[in-house]
N, C-alpha and C. Protein backbone atom coordinates (compact mmCIF):
# COMPACT_ATOMS: atom_id res chain seq x y z
N UNK A 1 87.46 104.36 98.21
CA UNK A 1 87.22 105.09 97.21
C UNK A 1 86.29 105.76 97.12
N UNK A 2 86.55 107.48 97.47
CA UNK A 2 84.91 107.94 96.73
C UNK A 2 84.38 108.10 95.22
N UNK A 3 82.96 108.05 95.40
CA UNK A 3 82.84 108.22 93.57
C UNK A 3 83.34 109.08 92.81
N UNK A 4 83.71 109.98 92.99
CA UNK A 4 84.08 110.80 92.62
C UNK A 4 85.88 110.70 92.17
N UNK A 5 87.04 109.92 92.68
CA UNK A 5 88.06 109.59 92.89
C UNK A 5 87.84 108.51 92.15
N UNK A 6 86.85 107.86 91.85
CA UNK A 6 86.23 106.95 90.92
C UNK A 6 86.32 107.12 89.41
N UNK A 7 85.17 108.18 89.62
CA UNK A 7 84.93 108.78 88.05
C UNK A 7 86.68 108.86 87.35
N UNK A 8 87.47 109.48 88.44
CA UNK A 8 88.45 109.65 87.39
C UNK A 8 89.46 109.10 86.94
N UNK A 9 89.47 108.25 88.08
CA UNK A 9 90.41 106.55 87.78
C UNK A 9 90.00 105.81 86.26
N UNK A 10 88.56 105.67 86.35
CA UNK A 10 87.95 105.39 85.04
C UNK A 10 88.26 106.07 84.16
N UNK A 11 88.44 107.78 84.32
CA UNK A 11 88.73 108.66 83.07
C UNK A 11 89.60 108.48 82.20
N UNK A 12 90.70 107.95 83.59
CA UNK A 12 92.19 107.90 83.25
C UNK A 12 92.38 106.24 82.08
N UNK A 13 91.49 105.82 82.53
CA UNK A 13 92.28 104.74 81.94
C UNK A 13 92.32 103.64 82.97
N UNK A 14 92.33 103.34 84.13
CA UNK A 14 92.71 102.88 85.20
C UNK A 14 91.65 101.81 86.17
N UNK A 15 90.68 101.81 85.15
CA UNK A 15 89.39 101.18 86.32
C UNK A 15 90.10 99.71 86.83
N UNK A 16 90.71 99.06 85.70
CA UNK A 16 91.47 97.74 86.94
C UNK A 16 91.86 97.81 87.57
N UNK A 17 92.76 98.87 88.49
CA UNK A 17 93.70 98.88 89.47
C UNK A 17 92.36 98.84 90.39
N UNK A 18 91.51 99.44 90.53
CA UNK A 18 89.68 99.32 91.22
C UNK A 18 89.52 97.92 92.01
N UNK A 19 89.87 96.57 90.83
CA UNK A 19 89.91 95.43 91.29
C UNK A 19 90.91 94.92 92.40
N UNK A 20 91.80 95.70 92.70
CA UNK A 20 92.91 95.30 93.64
C UNK A 20 93.12 95.64 94.60
N UNK A 21 92.72 94.53 95.56
CA UNK A 21 93.13 94.90 96.95
C UNK A 21 93.23 96.07 98.09
N UNK A 22 92.85 96.00 98.89
CA UNK A 22 93.64 97.68 99.31
C UNK A 22 95.03 97.05 100.42
N UNK A 23 96.24 97.16 100.46
CA UNK A 23 97.72 96.57 100.66
C UNK A 23 97.97 97.69 101.44
N UNK A 24 98.71 97.64 102.19
CA UNK A 24 99.29 97.95 103.17
C UNK A 24 100.64 98.72 102.34
N UNK A 25 100.74 99.17 101.51
CA UNK A 25 102.24 99.63 101.01
C UNK A 25 102.63 100.98 101.12
N UNK A 26 104.25 101.18 101.57
CA UNK A 26 104.42 102.88 102.02
C UNK A 26 104.20 103.54 100.76
N UNK A 27 104.01 104.76 101.24
CA UNK A 27 103.64 105.67 99.69
C UNK A 27 105.00 105.89 98.90
N UNK A 28 106.27 106.16 99.36
CA UNK A 28 107.26 106.18 99.43
C UNK A 28 107.42 105.03 97.85
N UNK A 29 107.67 103.90 98.58
CA UNK A 29 107.70 102.49 97.48
C UNK A 29 106.37 102.99 96.77
N UNK A 30 105.65 103.01 96.56
CA UNK A 30 104.34 103.18 95.59
C UNK A 30 105.17 104.61 94.65
N UNK A 31 105.39 105.65 95.27
CA UNK A 31 105.85 106.61 94.49
C UNK A 31 106.92 106.21 93.48
N UNK A 32 107.78 105.07 93.90
CA UNK A 32 109.44 104.83 93.29
C UNK A 32 108.54 103.95 91.97
N UNK A 33 107.98 103.10 92.48
CA UNK A 33 106.88 102.16 91.17
C UNK A 33 106.97 103.27 90.32
N UNK A 34 105.66 103.65 90.63
CA UNK A 34 105.52 104.91 89.21
C UNK A 34 105.89 105.44 88.31
N UNK A 35 107.52 106.10 89.43
CA UNK A 35 108.07 106.82 88.07
C UNK A 35 108.89 105.83 87.37
N UNK A 36 109.65 104.54 87.85
CA UNK A 36 109.95 103.71 87.17
C UNK A 36 108.95 102.54 86.21
N UNK A 37 107.82 103.30 86.25
CA UNK A 37 106.63 102.38 84.86
C UNK A 37 107.14 103.03 83.78
N UNK A 38 107.86 102.47 82.76
CA UNK A 38 107.63 102.84 81.13
C UNK A 38 106.55 102.55 80.54
N UNK A 39 105.91 104.01 80.37
CA UNK A 39 104.96 103.45 79.54
C UNK A 39 105.07 102.81 77.79
N UNK A 40 105.90 103.41 77.43
CA UNK A 40 106.22 102.84 76.03
C UNK A 40 106.54 101.57 75.44
N UNK A 41 107.37 100.99 76.62
CA UNK A 41 107.08 99.35 76.45
C UNK A 41 106.06 98.48 77.65
N UNK A 42 105.24 99.50 78.31
CA UNK A 42 104.19 98.60 79.07
C UNK A 42 105.07 97.27 80.54
N UNK A 43 106.41 98.12 80.93
CA UNK A 43 106.65 97.08 81.92
C UNK A 43 107.50 98.48 82.65
N UNK A 44 107.92 97.64 83.66
CA UNK A 44 108.44 98.31 85.22
C UNK A 44 110.22 98.29 84.75
N UNK A 45 110.54 99.74 84.41
CA UNK A 45 112.29 99.89 84.32
C UNK A 45 113.15 99.86 86.09
N UNK A 46 113.35 98.92 85.96
CA UNK A 46 114.42 99.30 87.45
C UNK A 46 115.59 99.82 87.52
N UNK A 47 116.46 99.43 86.28
CA UNK A 47 117.97 100.11 85.84
C UNK A 47 118.43 99.85 87.32
N UNK A 48 118.77 99.05 88.00
CA UNK A 48 119.39 98.26 88.91
C UNK A 48 120.40 97.07 88.61
N UNK A 49 121.73 97.22 89.21
CA UNK A 49 122.72 96.04 88.18
C UNK A 49 122.25 95.06 88.85
N UNK A 50 122.53 93.58 88.17
CA UNK A 50 121.87 92.84 88.48
C UNK A 50 122.29 92.35 90.01
N UNK A 51 122.16 91.74 90.70
CA UNK A 51 122.69 91.77 92.10
C UNK A 51 122.89 90.41 92.48
N UNK A 52 122.75 89.58 91.52
CA UNK A 52 123.52 88.23 91.67
C UNK A 52 124.16 87.73 89.94
N UNK A 53 125.15 88.81 89.57
CA UNK A 53 125.47 88.00 88.57
C UNK A 53 125.76 86.51 88.13
N UNK A 54 126.13 85.55 89.72
CA UNK A 54 126.76 84.23 89.50
C UNK A 54 125.44 83.77 90.15
N UNK A 55 125.42 81.88 89.74
CA UNK A 55 124.26 81.84 90.22
C UNK A 55 125.35 80.91 91.37
N UNK A 56 124.24 80.85 92.59
CA UNK A 56 124.98 80.69 94.33
C UNK A 56 125.10 79.15 94.21
N UNK A 57 126.45 78.49 94.85
CA UNK A 57 126.17 76.84 94.66
C UNK A 57 125.43 76.71 96.74
N UNK A 58 124.25 76.01 96.88
CA UNK A 58 123.83 76.02 97.74
C UNK A 58 124.84 75.07 99.00
N UNK A 59 125.66 74.30 98.23
CA UNK A 59 127.55 73.66 99.32
C UNK A 59 127.87 74.80 99.46
N UNK A 60 128.26 75.70 99.08
CA UNK A 60 128.89 76.72 99.72
C UNK A 60 128.61 78.06 100.51
N UNK A 61 126.99 77.96 100.90
CA UNK A 61 126.49 78.75 102.15
C UNK A 61 126.75 78.52 103.51
N UNK A 62 126.81 79.30 104.26
CA UNK A 62 126.54 78.85 105.54
C UNK A 62 125.47 77.85 106.57
N UNK A 63 125.73 77.77 107.16
CA UNK A 63 124.65 76.53 108.20
C UNK A 63 123.29 78.12 107.81
N UNK A 64 123.73 78.89 108.46
CA UNK A 64 122.73 79.93 108.38
C UNK A 64 121.72 80.85 107.42
N UNK A 65 122.37 80.78 106.19
CA UNK A 65 121.89 80.78 104.86
C UNK A 65 121.49 79.78 104.02
N UNK A 66 121.47 78.48 104.69
CA UNK A 66 120.87 76.93 104.14
C UNK A 66 119.24 77.01 105.13
N UNK A 67 120.02 77.67 106.54
CA UNK A 67 118.28 77.22 106.89
C UNK A 67 117.12 78.34 106.33
N UNK A 68 117.61 79.26 105.96
CA UNK A 68 117.25 80.19 105.50
C UNK A 68 116.39 79.89 103.60
N UNK A 69 117.67 79.58 103.31
CA UNK A 69 117.04 78.86 101.84
C UNK A 69 115.52 77.24 102.27
N UNK A 70 116.00 76.70 102.87
CA UNK A 70 115.04 75.63 103.46
C UNK A 70 113.68 75.95 103.80
N UNK A 71 113.57 77.21 104.27
CA UNK A 71 112.24 77.95 104.89
C UNK A 71 111.68 77.96 103.73
N UNK A 72 112.15 78.78 103.07
CA UNK A 72 111.53 79.69 101.74
C UNK A 72 111.68 78.45 100.54
N UNK A 73 111.95 77.44 100.68
CA UNK A 73 112.35 76.15 99.16
C UNK A 73 111.01 75.77 99.17
N UNK A 74 110.38 75.54 97.79
CA UNK A 74 109.03 74.71 97.80
C UNK A 74 107.53 75.89 98.04
N UNK A 75 107.74 76.86 98.46
CA UNK A 75 106.74 78.43 98.85
C UNK A 75 105.97 78.54 97.61
N UNK A 76 105.41 78.87 97.76
CA UNK A 76 104.62 79.82 96.82
C UNK A 76 104.24 81.10 97.01
N UNK A 77 103.90 82.14 95.93
CA UNK A 77 103.68 83.31 96.54
C UNK A 77 102.98 83.41 98.02
N UNK A 78 101.36 83.15 97.14
CA UNK A 78 100.60 82.83 98.06
C UNK A 78 100.99 82.15 99.95
N UNK A 79 101.28 80.90 100.03
CA UNK A 79 102.36 80.66 100.97
C UNK A 79 102.78 81.71 101.66
N UNK A 80 103.45 82.59 101.43
CA UNK A 80 104.27 83.08 101.82
C UNK A 80 103.77 84.33 101.96
N UNK A 81 102.82 85.03 101.37
CA UNK A 81 101.95 86.26 102.09
C UNK A 81 101.04 85.83 102.93
N UNK A 82 100.48 84.73 103.11
CA UNK A 82 99.61 83.74 104.10
C UNK A 82 100.34 84.19 105.28
């Protein structure tokens, strides 16, 4: 980021964002996240329905879904991003 852009970011009060490492995130997703941020509540409003209203029973999953579940089970976000 150029010095001029860094100055603008600091003046807007978002200097904390400059410490976030660069990520390969599509511009469209970043734009959608920015539009979804509620400034008055300081939180992200997703306004989507709960896609999983009921708890899913592991016993009722297909073998393929059970295998997918096992691959992610016990993983941390760091493990998954690595």
